[in-house]
Amino acid sequence: MLEQGLSARSIATVTADNTAASMGSGDLPVFATPAMVALMENAAMQAVAGELPEGATTVGAEMNVTHIKPSGLGAAVTATAVLTAVEGRKLTFNVGARDAEGMIGEGVHVRYVVDRARFMEKAG
């Protein structure tokens, strides 16, 4: 059952592959904002995955985050997501990311519950 409070976390290590320089979102060897966002989305997806009906999944629709501190190569980054609202198929999460030094980013993420097969039909 989808209810407020469901949560999960996802962990990544900063490597050359997920830096701003590698992903094209900047030119420094630090954890890329797109990588942080993807980690947050993964945590949100995992938070509700076990409560969805068979054949359903969630898709990201909106992300409003701040990336407030850099994380260098080798840093472990943990993203968390907590389901704060359920409005029909619309799910709203508070998301955050931390490294050993503390908070590196936070915000709000919206996902929608969709039928996998119908969604993929629309994707062509």
PDB file of N, CA and C in Angstrom:
ATOM      1  N   MET A   1       0.842  -1.181   0.000  1.00  0.00           N
ATOM      2  CA  MET A   1       0.000   0.000   0.000  1.00  0.00           C
ATOM      3  C   MET A   1       0.891   1.248   0.000  1.00  0.00           C
ATOM      4  N   LEU A   2       0.596   2.144  -0.903  1.00  0.00           N
ATOM      5  CA  LEU A   2       1.361   3.380  -0.989  1.00  0.00           C
ATOM      6  C   LEU A   2       0.894   4.345   0.088  1.00  0.00           C
ATOM      7  N   GLU A   3       1.784   4.648   1.029  1.00  0.00           N
ATOM      8  CA  GLU A   3       1.420   5.564   2.102  1.00  0.00           C
ATOM      9  C   GLU A   3       2.611   6.417   2.503  1.00  0.00           C
ATOM     10  N   GLN A   4       2.308   7.582   3.037  1.00  0.00           N
ATOM     11  CA  GLN A   4       3.360   8.491   3.470  1.00  0.00           C
ATOM     12  C   GLN A   4       4.319   7.778   4.409  1.00  0.00           C
ATOM     13  N   GLY A   5       5.593   8.148   4.284  1.00  0.00           N
ATOM     14  CA  GLY A   5       6.608   7.584   5.159  1.00  0.00           C
ATOM     15  C   GLY A   5       7.443   6.490   4.532  1.00  0.00           C
ATOM     16  N   LEU A   6       6.971   5.901   3.431  1.00  0.00           N
ATOM     17  CA  LEU A   6       7.816   4.914   2.759  1.00  0.00           C
ATOM     18  C   LEU A   6       9.120   5.586   2.373  1.00  0.00           C
ATOM     19  N   SER A   7      10.233   4.876   2.541  1.00  0.00           N
ATOM     20  CA  SER A   7      11.524   5.493   2.256  1.00  0.00           C
ATOM     21  C   SER A   7      12.532   4.458   1.781  1.00  0.00           C
ATOM     22  N   ALA A   8      13.587   4.972   1.170  1.00  0.00           N
ATOM     23  CA  ALA A   8      14.694   4.116   0.723  1.00  0.00           C
ATOM     24  C   ALA A   8      15.914   4.999   0.543  1.00  0.00           C
ATOM     25  N   ARG A   9      17.045   4.349   0.353  1.00  0.00           N
ATOM     26  CA  ARG A   9      18.274   5.083   0.059  1.00  0.00           C
ATOM     27  C   ARG A   9      19.051   4.355  -1.007  1.00  0.00           C
ATOM     28  N   SER A  10      19.855   5.110  -1.727  1.00  0.00           N
ATOM     29  CA  SER A  10      20.734   4.579  -2.768  1.00  0.00           C
ATOM     30  C   SER A  10      22.117   5.163  -2.526  1.00  0.00           C
ATOM     31  N   ILE A  11      23.127   4.360  -2.806  1.00  0.00           N
ATOM     32  CA  ILE A  11      24.502   4.765  -2.524  1.00  0.00           C
ATOM     33  C   ILE A  11      25.340   4.668  -3.788  1.00  0.00           C
ATOM     34  N   ALA A  12      26.212   5.648  -3.975  1.00  0.00           N
ATOM     35  CA  ALA A  12      27.156   5.639  -5.102  1.00  0.00           C
ATOM     36  C   ALA A  12      28.498   6.166  -4.606  1.00  0.00           C
ATOM     37  N   THR A  13      29.546   5.733  -5.270  1.00  0.00           N
ATOM     38  CA  THR A  13      30.879   6.269  -5.025  1.00  0.00           C
ATOM     39  C   THR A  13      31.224   7.184  -6.184  1.00  0.00           C
ATOM     40  N   VAL A  14      31.809   8.325  -5.882  1.00  0.00           N
ATOM     41  CA  VAL A  14      32.206   9.257  -6.932  1.00  0.00           C
ATOM     42  C   VAL A  14      33.410   8.663  -7.667  1.00  0.00           C
ATOM     43  N   THR A  15      33.214   8.431  -8.966  1.00  0.00           N
ATOM     44  CA  THR A  15      34.264   7.904  -9.839  1.00  0.00           C
ATOM     45  C   THR A  15      34.402   8.843 -11.032  1.00  0.00           C
ATOM     46  N   ALA A  16      35.378   8.584 -11.861  1.00  0.00           N
ATOM     47  CA  ALA A  16      35.562   9.407 -13.059  1.00  0.00           C
ATOM     48  C   ALA A  16      34.308   9.397 -13.927  1.00  0.00           C
ATOM     49  N   ASP A  17      33.541   8.310 -13.910  1.00  0.00           N
ATOM     50  CA  ASP A  17      32.360   8.184 -14.775  1.00  0.00           C
ATOM     51  C   ASP A  17      31.190   9.071 -14.361  1.00  0.00           C
ATOM     52  N   ASN A  18      31.090   9.431 -13.077  1.00  0.00           N
ATOM     53  CA  ASN A  18      29.935  10.228 -12.649  1.00  0.00           C
ATOM     54  C   ASN A  18      30.331  11.637 -12.199  1.00  0.00           C
ATOM     55  N   THR A  19      31.452  12.121 -12.723  1.00  0.00           N
ATOM     56  CA  THR A  19      31.849  13.500 -12.422  1.00  0.00           C
ATOM     57  C   THR A  19      31.218  14.463 -13.418  1.00  0.00           C
ATOM     58  N   ALA A  20      31.208  15.732 -13.022  1.00  0.00           N
ATOM     59  CA  ALA A  20      30.687  16.775 -13.912  1.00  0.00           C
ATOM     60  C   ALA A  20      31.493  16.821 -15.202  1.00  0.00           C
ATOM     61  N   ALA A  21      32.801  16.649 -15.097  1.00  0.00           N
ATOM     62  CA  ALA A  21      33.645  16.693 -16.289  1.00  0.00           C
ATOM     63  C   ALA A  21      33.296  15.567 -17.254  1.00  0.00           C
ATOM     64  N   SER A  22      33.044  14.377 -16.733  1.00  0.00           N
ATOM     65  CA  SER A  22      32.726  13.226 -17.582  1.00  0.00           C
ATOM     66  C   SER A  22      31.316  13.315 -18.166  1.00  0.00           C
ATOM     67  N   MET A  23      30.361  13.793 -17.368  1.00  0.00           N
ATOM     68  CA  MET A  23      28.966  13.823 -17.809  1.00  0.00           C
ATOM     69  C   MET A  23      28.622  15.063 -18.620  1.00  0.00           C
ATOM     70  N   GLY A  24      29.539  16.025 -18.684  1.00  0.00           N
ATOM     71  CA  GLY A  24      29.311  17.204 -19.502  1.00  0.00           C
ATOM     72  C   GLY A  24      28.496  18.297 -18.831  1.00  0.00           C
ATOM     73  N   SER A  25      28.273  18.172 -17.517  1.00  0.00           N
ATOM     74  CA  SER A  25      27.503  19.205 -16.827  1.00  0.00           C
ATOM     75  C   SER A  25      28.409  20.260 -16.197  1.00  0.00           C
ATOM     76  N   GLY A  26      29.684  20.098 -16.366  1.00  0.00           N
ATOM     77  CA  GLY A  26      30.685  21.012 -15.845  1.00  0.00           C
ATOM     78  C   GLY A  26      32.048  20.526 -16.291  1.00  0.00           C
ATOM     79  N   ASP A  27      33.100  21.127 -15.760  1.00  0.00           N
ATOM     80  CA  ASP A  27      34.434  20.701 -16.183  1.00  0.00           C
ATOM     81  C   ASP A  27      35.341  20.339 -15.011  1.00  0.00           C
ATOM     82  N   LEU A  28      34.738  20.059 -13.854  1.00  0.00           N
ATOM     83  CA  LEU A  28      35.518  19.689 -12.677  1.00  0.00           C
ATOM     84  C   LEU A  28      35.316  18.223 -12.320  1.00  0.00           C
ATOM     85  N   PRO A  29      36.318  17.613 -11.685  1.00  0.00           N
ATOM     86  CA  PRO A  29      36.219  16.198 -11.298  1.00  0.00           C
ATOM     87  C   PRO A  29      35.504  16.023  -9.949  1.00  0.00           C
ATOM     88  N   VAL A  30      34.244  16.455  -9.886  1.00  0.00           N
ATOM     89  CA  VAL A  30      33.401  16.322  -8.699  1.00  0.00           C
ATOM     90  C   VAL A  30      32.087  15.658  -9.098  1.00  0.00           C
ATOM     91  N   PHE A  31      31.359  15.144  -8.101  1.00  0.00           N
ATOM     92  CA  PHE A  31      30.091  14.463  -8.349  1.00  0.00           C
ATOM     93  C   PHE A  31      29.164  15.385  -9.143  1.00  0.00           C
ATOM     94  N   ALA A  32      28.692  14.906 -10.273  1.00  0.00           N
ATOM     95  CA  ALA A  32      27.858  15.698 -11.177  1.00  0.00           C
ATOM     96  C   ALA A  32      26.447  15.846 -10.611  1.00  0.00           C
ATOM     97  N   THR A  33      25.870  17.009 -10.838  1.00  0.00           N
ATOM     98  CA  THR A  33      24.480  17.223 -10.444  1.00  0.00           C
ATOM     99  C   THR A  33      23.553  16.194 -11.099  1.00  0.00           C
ATOM    100  N   PRO A  34      23.706  15.878 -12.397  1.00  0.00           N
ATOM    101  CA  PRO A  34      22.831  14.842 -12.974  1.00  0.00           C
ATOM    102  C   PRO A  34      22.994  13.473 -12.291  1.00  0.00           C
ATOM    103  N   ALA A  35      24.194  13.171 -11.821  1.00  0.00           N
ATOM    104  CA  ALA A  35      24.408  11.908 -11.108  1.00  0.00           C
ATOM    105  C   ALA A  35      23.707  11.941  -9.751  1.00  0.00           C
ATOM    106  N   MET A  36      23.745  13.085  -9.077  1.00  0.00           N
ATOM    107  CA  MET A  36      23.059  13.219  -7.797  1.00  0.00           C
ATOM    108  C   MET A  36      21.547  13.072  -7.988  1.00  0.00           C
ATOM    109  N   VAL A  37      21.015  13.714  -9.023  1.00  0.00           N
ATOM    110  CA  VAL A  37      19.587  13.628  -9.312  1.00  0.00           C
ATOM    111  C   VAL A  37      19.187  12.180  -9.608  1.00  0.00           C
ATOM    112  N   ALA A  38      19.982  11.480 -10.405  1.00  0.00           N
ATOM    113  CA  ALA A  38      19.681  10.080 -10.728  1.00  0.00           C
ATOM    114  C   ALA A  38      19.688   9.218  -9.469  1.00  0.00           C
ATOM    115  N   LEU A  39      20.615   9.473  -8.570  1.00  0.00           N
ATOM    116  CA  LEU A  39      20.686   8.715  -7.326  1.00  0.00           C
ATOM    117  C   LEU A  39      19.445   8.980  -6.473  1.00  0.00           C
ATOM    118  N   MET A  40      19.004  10.224  -6.422  1.00  0.00           N
ATOM    119  CA  MET A  40      17.785  10.578  -5.689  1.00  0.00           C
ATOM    120  C   MET A  40      16.569   9.893  -6.317  1.00  0.00           C
ATOM    121  N   GLU A  41      16.487   9.914  -7.648  1.00  0.00           N
ATOM    122  CA  GLU A  41      15.370   9.260  -8.337  1.00  0.00           C
ATOM    123  C   GLU A  41      15.353   7.765  -8.043  1.00  0.00           C
ATOM    124  N   ASN A  42      16.542   7.157  -8.024  1.00  0.00           N
ATOM    125  CA  ASN A  42      16.614   5.728  -7.744  1.00  0.00           C
ATOM    126  C   ASN A  42      16.100   5.427  -6.340  1.00  0.00           C
ATOM    127  N   ALA A  43      16.466   6.249  -5.369  1.00  0.00           N
ATOM    128  CA  ALA A  43      15.974   6.039  -4.007  1.00  0.00           C
ATOM    129  C   ALA A  43      14.453   6.149  -3.959  1.00  0.00           C
ATOM    130  N   ALA A  44      13.889   7.132  -4.656  1.00  0.00           N
ATOM    131  CA  ALA A  44      12.434   7.298  -4.682  1.00  0.00           C
ATOM    132  C   ALA A  44      11.765   6.094  -5.349  1.00  0.00           C
ATOM    133  N   MET A  45      12.315   5.649  -6.455  1.00  0.00           N
ATOM    134  CA  MET A  45      11.762   4.488  -7.145  1.00  0.00           C
ATOM    135  C   MET A  45      11.768   3.269  -6.218  1.00  0.00           C
ATOM    136  N   GLN A  46      12.889   3.054  -5.533  1.00  0.00           N
ATOM    137  CA  GLN A  46      13.011   1.903  -4.629  1.00  0.00           C
ATOM    138  C   GLN A  46      12.066   2.006  -3.431  1.00  0.00           C
ATOM    139  N   ALA A  47      11.804   3.227  -2.969  1.00  0.00           N
ATOM    140  CA  ALA A  47      10.953   3.412  -1.786  1.00  0.00           C
ATOM    141  C   ALA A  47       9.556   2.822  -1.971  1.00  0.00           C
ATOM    142  N   VAL A  48       9.048   2.862  -3.193  1.00  0.00           N
ATOM    143  CA  VAL A  48       7.670   2.417  -3.420  1.00  0.00           C
ATOM    144  C   VAL A  48       7.568   1.146  -4.259  1.00  0.00           C
ATOM    145  N   ALA A  49       8.667   0.665  -4.789  1.00  0.00           N
ATOM    146  CA  ALA A  49       8.628  -0.465  -5.729  1.00  0.00           C
ATOM    147  C   ALA A  49       7.917  -1.688  -5.165  1.00  0.00           C
ATOM    148  N   GLY A  50       8.136  -1.998  -3.917  1.00  0.00           N
ATOM    149  CA  GLY A  50       7.526  -3.181  -3.325  1.00  0.00           C
ATOM    150  C   GLY A  50       6.054  -3.046  -3.011  1.00  0.00           C
ATOM    151  N   GLU A  51       5.501  -1.858  -3.160  1.00  0.00           N
ATOM    152  CA  GLU A  51       4.094  -1.608  -2.836  1.00  0.00           C
ATOM    153  C   GLU A  51       3.220  -1.400  -4.070  1.00  0.00           C
ATOM    154  N   LEU A  52       3.801  -1.524  -5.240  1.00  0.00           N
ATOM    155  CA  LEU A  52       3.046  -1.289  -6.477  1.00  0.00           C
ATOM    156  C   LEU A  52       2.330  -2.546  -6.935  1.00  0.00           C
ATOM    157  N   PRO A  53       1.200  -2.387  -7.630  1.00  0.00           N
ATOM    158  CA  PRO A  53       0.526  -3.555  -8.191  1.00  0.00           C
ATOM    159  C   PRO A  53       1.382  -4.187  -9.286  1.00  0.00           C
ATOM    160  N   GLU A  54       1.136  -5.453  -9.542  1.00  0.00           N
ATOM    161  CA  GLU A  54       1.886  -6.153 -10.589  1.00  0.00           C
ATOM    162  C   GLU A  54       1.697  -5.440 -11.925  1.00  0.00           C
ATOM    163  N   GLY A  55       2.791  -5.291 -12.658  1.00  0.00           N
ATOM    164  CA  GLY A  55       2.747  -4.636 -13.954  1.00  0.00           C
ATOM    165  C   GLY A  55       2.920  -3.136 -13.893  1.00  0.00           C
ATOM    166  N   ALA A  56       3.041  -2.582 -12.677  1.00  0.00           N
ATOM    167  CA  ALA A  56       3.182  -1.141 -12.531  1.00  0.00           C
ATOM    168  C   ALA A  56       4.622  -0.773 -12.161  1.00  0.00           C
ATOM    169  N   THR A  57       4.974   0.455 -12.450  1.00  0.00           N
ATOM    170  CA  THR A  57       6.241   1.036 -12.036  1.00  0.00           C
ATOM    171  C   THR A  57       6.003   2.523 -11.824  1.00  0.00           C
ATOM    172  N   THR A  58       7.047   3.248 -11.498  1.00  0.00           N
ATOM    173  CA  THR A  58       6.924   4.702 -11.391  1.00  0.00           C
ATOM    174  C   THR A  58       7.894   5.354 -12.351  1.00  0.00           C
ATOM    175  N   VAL A  59       7.520   6.541 -12.809  1.00  0.00           N
ATOM    176  CA  VAL A  59       8.389   7.322 -13.692  1.00  0.00           C
ATOM    177  C   VAL A  59       8.540   8.720 -13.110  1.00  0.00           C
ATOM    178  N   GLY A  60       9.737   9.263 -13.244  1.00  0.00           N
ATOM    179  CA  GLY A  60      10.006  10.603 -12.748  1.00  0.00           C
ATOM    180  C   GLY A  60       9.349  11.641 -13.633  1.00  0.00           C
ATOM    181  N   ALA A  61       8.790  12.674 -13.004  1.00  0.00           N
ATOM    182  CA  ALA A  61       8.112  13.729 -13.757  1.00  0.00           C
ATOM    183  C   ALA A  61       8.630  15.119 -13.403  1.00  0.00           C
ATOM    184  N   GLU A  62       9.139  15.279 -12.199  1.00  0.00           N
ATOM    185  CA  GLU A  62       9.575  16.610 -11.771  1.00  0.00           C
ATOM    186  C   GLU A  62      10.646  16.450 -10.704  1.00  0.00           C
ATOM    187  N   MET A  63      11.659  17.316 -10.782  1.00  0.00           N
ATOM    188  CA  MET A  63      12.725  17.319  -9.777  1.00  0.00           C
ATOM    189  C   MET A  63      13.097  18.768  -9.511  1.00  0.00           C
ATOM    190  N   ASN A  64      13.017  19.168  -8.262  1.00  0.00           N
ATOM    191  CA  ASN A  64      13.406  20.516  -7.866  1.00  0.00           C
ATOM    192  C   ASN A  64      14.419  20.357  -6.734  1.00  0.00           C
ATOM    193  N   VAL A  65      15.712  20.469  -7.074  1.00  0.00           N
ATOM    194  CA  VAL A  65      16.758  20.240  -6.081  1.00  0.00           C
ATOM    195  C   VAL A  65      17.809  21.343  -6.110  1.00  0.00           C
ATOM    196  N   THR A  66      18.504  21.435  -4.999  1.00  0.00           N
ATOM    197  CA  THR A  66      19.690  22.274  -4.930  1.00  0.00           C
ATOM    198  C   THR A  66      20.880  21.349  -4.711  1.00  0.00           C
ATOM    199  N   HIS A  67      21.976  21.672  -5.356  1.00  0.00           N
ATOM    200  CA  HIS A  67      23.227  20.940  -5.165  1.00  0.00           C
ATOM    201  C   HIS A  67      24.153  21.936  -4.488  1.00  0.00           C
ATOM    202  N   ILE A  68      24.358  21.764  -3.184  1.00  0.00           N
ATOM    203  CA  ILE A  68      24.953  22.822  -2.374  1.00  0.00           C
ATOM    204  C   ILE A  68      26.414  22.622  -2.017  1.00  0.00           C
ATOM    205  N   LYS A  69      26.961  21.415  -2.284  1.00  0.00           N
ATOM    206  CA  LYS A  69      28.336  21.165  -1.885  1.00  0.00           C
ATOM    207  C   LYS A  69      28.959  20.115  -2.793  1.00  0.00           C
ATOM    208  N   PRO A  70      30.222  20.296  -3.188  1.00  0.00           N
ATOM    209  CA  PRO A  70      30.868  19.306  -4.043  1.00  0.00           C
ATOM    210  C   PRO A  70      31.314  18.071  -3.265  1.00  0.00           C
ATOM    211  N   SER A  71      31.369  16.945  -3.982  1.00  0.00           N
ATOM    212  CA  SER A  71      31.917  15.697  -3.447  1.00  0.00           C
ATOM    213  C   SER A  71      32.983  15.232  -4.414  1.00  0.00           C
ATOM    214  N   GLY A  72      34.178  14.999  -3.917  1.00  0.00           N
ATOM    215  CA  GLY A  72      35.305  14.635  -4.765  1.00  0.00           C
ATOM    216  C   GLY A  72      35.397  13.151  -5.052  1.00  0.00           C
ATOM    217  N   LEU A  73      36.343  12.798  -5.910  1.00  0.00           N
ATOM    218  CA  LEU A  73      36.585  11.406  -6.271  1.00  0.00           C
ATOM    219  C   LEU A  73      36.775  10.553  -5.024  1.00  0.00           C
ATOM    220  N   GLY A  74      36.144   9.388  -5.031  1.00  0.00           N
ATOM    221  CA  GLY A  74      36.243   8.458  -3.918  1.00  0.00           C
ATOM    222  C   GLY A  74      35.200   8.646  -2.835  1.00  0.00           C
ATOM    223  N   ALA A  75      34.503   9.770  -2.836  1.00  0.00           N
ATOM    224  CA  ALA A  75      33.488  10.021  -1.802  1.00  0.00           C
ATOM    225  C   ALA A  75      32.307   9.070  -1.977  1.00  0.00           C
ATOM    226  N   ALA A  76      31.752   8.608  -0.862  1.00  0.00           N
ATOM    227  CA  ALA A  76      30.518   7.819  -0.884  1.00  0.00           C
ATOM    228  C   ALA A  76      29.355   8.793  -0.708  1.00  0.00           C
ATOM    229  N   VAL A  77      28.402   8.740  -1.620  1.00  0.00           N
ATOM    230  CA  VAL A  77      27.226   9.606  -1.576  1.00  0.00           C
ATOM    231  C   VAL A  77      25.992   8.736  -1.350  1.00  0.00           C
ATOM    232  N   THR A  78      25.188   9.108  -0.376  1.00  0.00           N
ATOM    233  CA  THR A  78      23.950   8.395  -0.070  1.00  0.00           C
ATOM    234  C   THR A  78      22.770   9.319  -0.318  1.00  0.00           C
ATOM    235  N   ALA A  79      21.875   8.893  -1.176  1.00  0.00           N
ATOM    236  CA  ALA A  79      20.640   9.641  -1.439  1.00  0.00           C
ATOM    237  C   ALA A  79      19.501   8.963  -0.692  1.00  0.00           C
ATOM    238  N   THR A  80      18.615   9.768  -0.139  1.00  0.00           N
ATOM    239  CA  THR A  80      17.436   9.250   0.539  1.00  0.00           C
ATOM    240  C   THR A  80      16.187   9.858  -0.083  1.00  0.00           C
ATOM    241  N   ALA A  81      15.103   9.109  -0.007  1.00  0.00           N
ATOM    242  CA  ALA A  81      13.804   9.588  -0.488  1.00  0.00           C
ATOM    243  C   ALA A  81      12.742   9.136   0.497  1.00  0.00           C
ATOM    244  N   VAL A  82      11.869  10.066   0.861  1.00  0.00           N
ATOM    245  CA  VAL A  82      10.754   9.768   1.757  1.00  0.00           C
ATOM    246  C   VAL A  82       9.475  10.206   1.076  1.00  0.00           C
ATOM    247  N   LEU A  83       8.527   9.294   0.946  1.00  0.00           N
ATOM    248  CA  LEU A  83       7.236   9.602   0.331  1.00  0.00           C
ATOM    249  C   LEU A  83       6.442  10.497   1.284  1.00  0.00           C
ATOM    250  N   THR A  84       6.091  11.693   0.795  1.00  0.00           N
ATOM    251  CA  THR A  84       5.395  12.661   1.648  1.00  0.00           C
ATOM    252  C   THR A  84       3.942  12.878   1.259  1.00  0.00           C
ATOM    253  N   ALA A  85       3.569  12.510   0.029  1.00  0.00           N
ATOM    254  CA  ALA A  85       2.176  12.707  -0.400  1.00  0.00           C
ATOM    255  C   ALA A  85       1.823  11.710  -1.490  1.00  0.00           C
ATOM    256  N   VAL A  86       0.599  11.216  -1.429  1.00  0.00           N
ATOM    257  CA  VAL A  86       0.041  10.336  -2.448  1.00  0.00           C
ATOM    258  C   VAL A  86      -1.265  10.969  -2.903  1.00  0.00           C
ATOM    259  N   GLU A  87      -1.320  11.346  -4.183  1.00  0.00           N
ATOM    260  CA  GLU A  87      -2.524  11.946  -4.758  1.00  0.00           C
ATOM    261  C   GLU A  87      -2.871  11.164  -6.011  1.00  0.00           C
ATOM    262  N   GLY A  88      -3.645  10.108  -5.858  1.00  0.00           N
ATOM    263  CA  GLY A  88      -3.929   9.233  -6.988  1.00  0.00           C
ATOM    264  C   GLY A  88      -2.638   8.579  -7.458  1.00  0.00           C
ATOM    265  N   ARG A  89      -2.309   8.791  -8.737  1.00  0.00           N
ATOM    266  CA  ARG A  89      -1.076   8.216  -9.293  1.00  0.00           C
ATOM    267  C   ARG A  89       0.157   9.077  -9.009  1.00  0.00           C
ATOM    268  N   LYS A  90      -0.049  10.283  -8.508  1.00  0.00           N
ATOM    269  CA  LYS A  90       1.048  11.224  -8.255  1.00  0.00           C
ATOM    270  C   LYS A  90       1.661  10.979  -6.875  1.00  0.00           C
ATOM    271  N   LEU A  91       2.988  10.786  -6.857  1.00  0.00           N
ATOM    272  CA  LEU A  91       3.727  10.544  -5.624  1.00  0.00           C
ATOM    273  C   LEU A  91       4.752  11.661  -5.428  1.00  0.00           C
ATOM    274  N   THR A  92       4.782  12.262  -4.259  1.00  0.00           N
ATOM    275  CA  THR A  92       5.733  13.331  -3.966  1.00  0.00           C
ATOM    276  C   THR A  92       6.687  12.868  -2.874  1.00  0.00           C
ATOM    277  N   PHE A  93       7.968  13.130  -3.096  1.00  0.00           N
ATOM    278  CA  PHE A  93       9.027  12.703  -2.181  1.00  0.00           C
ATOM    279  C   PHE A  93       9.872  13.893  -1.743  1.00  0.00           C
ATOM    280  N   ASN A  94      10.333  13.865  -0.508  1.00  0.00           N
ATOM    281  CA  ASN A  94      11.441  14.711  -0.086  1.00  0.00           C
ATOM    282  C   ASN A  94      12.693  13.892  -0.348  1.00  0.00           C
ATOM    283  N   VAL A  95      13.665  14.498  -1.018  1.00  0.00           N
ATOM    284  CA  VAL A  95      14.904  13.802  -1.345  1.00  0.00           C
ATOM    285  C   VAL A  95      16.096  14.579  -0.792  1.00  0.00           C
ATOM    286  N   GLY A  96      17.153  13.848  -0.513  1.00  0.00           N
ATOM    287  CA  GLY A  96      18.373  14.469  -0.042  1.00  0.00           C
ATOM    288  C   GLY A  96      19.558  13.607  -0.389  1.00  0.00           C
ATOM    289  N   ALA A  97      20.737  14.203  -0.387  1.00  0.00           N
ATOM    290  CA  ALA A  97      21.970  13.455  -0.631  1.00  0.00           C
ATOM    291  C   ALA A  97      23.036  13.959   0.331  1.00  0.00           C
ATOM    292  N   ARG A  98      23.826  13.022   0.845  1.00  0.00           N
ATOM    293  CA  ARG A  98      24.872  13.335   1.813  1.00  0.00           C
ATOM    294  C   ARG A  98      26.154  12.591   1.445  1.00  0.00           C
ATOM    295  N   ASP A  99      27.270  13.187   1.843  1.00  0.00           N
ATOM    296  CA  ASP A  99      28.532  12.459   1.830  1.00  0.00           C
ATOM    297  C   ASP A  99      29.059  12.491   3.259  1.00  0.00           C
ATOM    298  N   ALA A 100      30.295  12.083   3.476  1.00  0.00           N
ATOM    299  CA  ALA A 100      30.844  12.018   4.832  1.00  0.00           C
ATOM    300  C   ALA A 100      30.901  13.384   5.507  1.00  0.00           C
ATOM    301  N   GLU A 101      30.915  14.442   4.719  1.00  0.00           N
ATOM    302  CA  GLU A 101      30.994  15.799   5.263  1.00  0.00           C
ATOM    303  C   GLU A 101      29.625  16.381   5.598  1.00  0.00           C
ATOM    304  N   GLY A 102      28.535  15.746   5.150  1.00  0.00           N
ATOM    305  CA  GLY A 102      27.193  16.242   5.426  1.00  0.00           C
ATOM    306  C   GLY A 102      26.348  16.369   4.176  1.00  0.00           C
ATOM    307  N   MET A 103      25.294  17.174   4.278  1.00  0.00           N
ATOM    308  CA  MET A 103      24.329  17.348   3.196  1.00  0.00           C
ATOM    309  C   MET A 103      24.998  17.972   1.973  1.00  0.00           C
ATOM    310  N   ILE A 104      24.749  17.373   0.794  1.00  0.00           N
ATOM    311  CA  ILE A 104      25.270  17.955  -0.452  1.00  0.00           C
ATOM    312  C   ILE A 104      24.153  18.426  -1.366  1.00  0.00           C
ATOM    313  N   GLY A 105      22.925  17.959  -1.135  1.00  0.00           N
ATOM    314  CA  GLY A 105      21.809  18.366  -1.972  1.00  0.00           C
ATOM    315  C   GLY A 105      20.496  17.945  -1.350  1.00  0.00           C
ATOM    316  N   GLU A 106      19.429  18.673  -1.716  1.00  0.00           N
ATOM    317  CA  GLU A 106      18.108  18.339  -1.190  1.00  0.00           C
ATOM    318  C   GLU A 106      17.033  18.935  -2.079  1.00  0.00           C
ATOM    319  N   GLY A 107      15.830  18.395  -1.950  1.00  0.00           N
ATOM    320  CA  GLY A 107      14.743  18.939  -2.738  1.00  0.00           C
ATOM    321  C   GLY A 107      13.491  18.097  -2.697  1.00  0.00           C
ATOM    322  N   VAL A 108      12.659  18.281  -3.733  1.00  0.00           N
ATOM    323  CA  VAL A 108      11.368  17.594  -3.864  1.00  0.00           C
ATOM    324  C   VAL A 108      11.321  16.924  -5.234  1.00  0.00           C
ATOM    325  N   HIS A 109      10.819  15.695  -5.251  1.00  0.00           N
ATOM    326  CA  HIS A 109      10.747  14.906  -6.483  1.00  0.00           C
ATOM    327  C   HIS A 109       9.325  14.357  -6.641  1.00  0.00           C
ATOM    328  N   VAL A 110       8.785  14.426  -7.857  1.00  0.00           N
ATOM    329  CA  VAL A 110       7.453  13.887  -8.156  1.00  0.00           C
ATOM    330  C   VAL A 110       7.603  12.733  -9.135  1.00  0.00           C
ATOM    331  N   ARG A 111       6.916  11.639  -8.828  1.00  0.00           N
ATOM    332  CA  ARG A 111       6.860  10.474  -9.707  1.00  0.00           C
ATOM    333  C   ARG A 111       5.392  10.112  -9.921  1.00  0.00           C
ATOM    334  N   TYR A 112       5.116   9.390 -11.005  1.00  0.00           N
ATOM    335  CA  TYR A 112       3.764   8.909 -11.271  1.00  0.00           C
ATOM    336  C   TYR A 112       3.779   7.396 -11.417  1.00  0.00           C
ATOM    337  N   VAL A 113       2.744   6.758 -10.894  1.00  0.00           N
ATOM    338  CA  VAL A 113       2.564   5.325 -11.071  1.00  0.00           C
ATOM    339  C   VAL A 113       1.995   5.109 -12.472  1.00  0.00           C
ATOM    340  N   VAL A 114       2.631   4.203 -13.240  1.00  0.00           N
ATOM    341  CA  VAL A 114       2.173   3.902 -14.599  1.00  0.00           C
ATOM    342  C   VAL A 114       2.151   2.394 -14.814  1.00  0.00           C
ATOM    343  N   ASP A 115       1.342   1.979 -15.762  1.00  0.00           N
ATOM    344  CA  ASP A 115       1.349   0.593 -16.222  1.00  0.00           C
ATOM    345  C   ASP A 115       2.524   0.449 -17.192  1.00  0.00           C
ATOM    346  N   ARG A 116       3.401  -0.490 -16.923  1.00  0.00           N
ATOM    347  CA  ARG A 116       4.608  -0.652 -17.747  1.00  0.00           C
ATOM    348  C   ARG A 116       4.298  -0.831 -19.225  1.00  0.00           C
ATOM    349  N   ALA A 117       3.404  -1.744 -19.551  1.00  0.00           N
ATOM    350  CA  ALA A 117       3.115  -2.069 -20.947  1.00  0.00           C
ATOM    351  C   ALA A 117       2.518  -0.868 -21.674  1.00  0.00           C
ATOM    352  N   ARG A 118       1.543  -0.230 -21.077  1.00  0.00           N
ATOM    353  CA  ARG A 118       0.927   0.945 -21.726  1.00  0.00           C
ATOM    354  C   ARG A 118       1.932   2.079 -21.891  1.00  0.00           C
ATOM    355  N   PHE A 119       2.763   2.267 -20.900  1.00  0.00           N
ATOM    356  CA  PHE A 119       3.775   3.326 -20.979  1.00  0.00           C
ATOM    357  C   PHE A 119       4.732   3.066 -22.136  1.00  0.00           C
ATOM    358  N   MET A 120       5.181   1.834 -22.260  1.00  0.00           N
ATOM    359  CA  MET A 120       6.129   1.504 -23.328  1.00  0.00           C
ATOM    360  C   MET A 120       5.479   1.579 -24.709  1.00  0.00           C
ATOM    361  N   GLU A 121       4.178   1.306 -24.796  1.00  0.00           N
ATOM    362  CA  GLU A 121       3.479   1.482 -26.070  1.00  0.00           C
ATOM    363  C   GLU A 121       3.537   2.941 -26.516  1.00  0.00           C
ATOM    364  N   LYS A 122       3.366   3.848 -25.566  1.00  0.00           N
ATOM    365  CA  LYS A 122       3.431   5.278 -25.876  1.00  0.00           C
ATOM    366  C   LYS A 122       4.842   5.711 -26.267  1.00  0.00           C
ATOM    367  N   ALA A 123       5.843   5.025 -25.758  1.00  0.00           N
ATOM    368  CA  ALA A 123       7.236   5.367 -26.063  1.00  0.00           C
ATOM    369  C   ALA A 123       7.623   4.951 -27.472  1.00  0.00           C
ATOM    370  N   GLY A 124       6.838   4.084 -28.065  1.00  0.00           N
ATOM    371  CA  GLY A 124       7.098   3.677 -29.438  1.00  0.00           C
ATOM    372  C   GLY A 124       8.059   2.561 -29.486  1.00  0.00           C
TER     373      GLY A 124
END
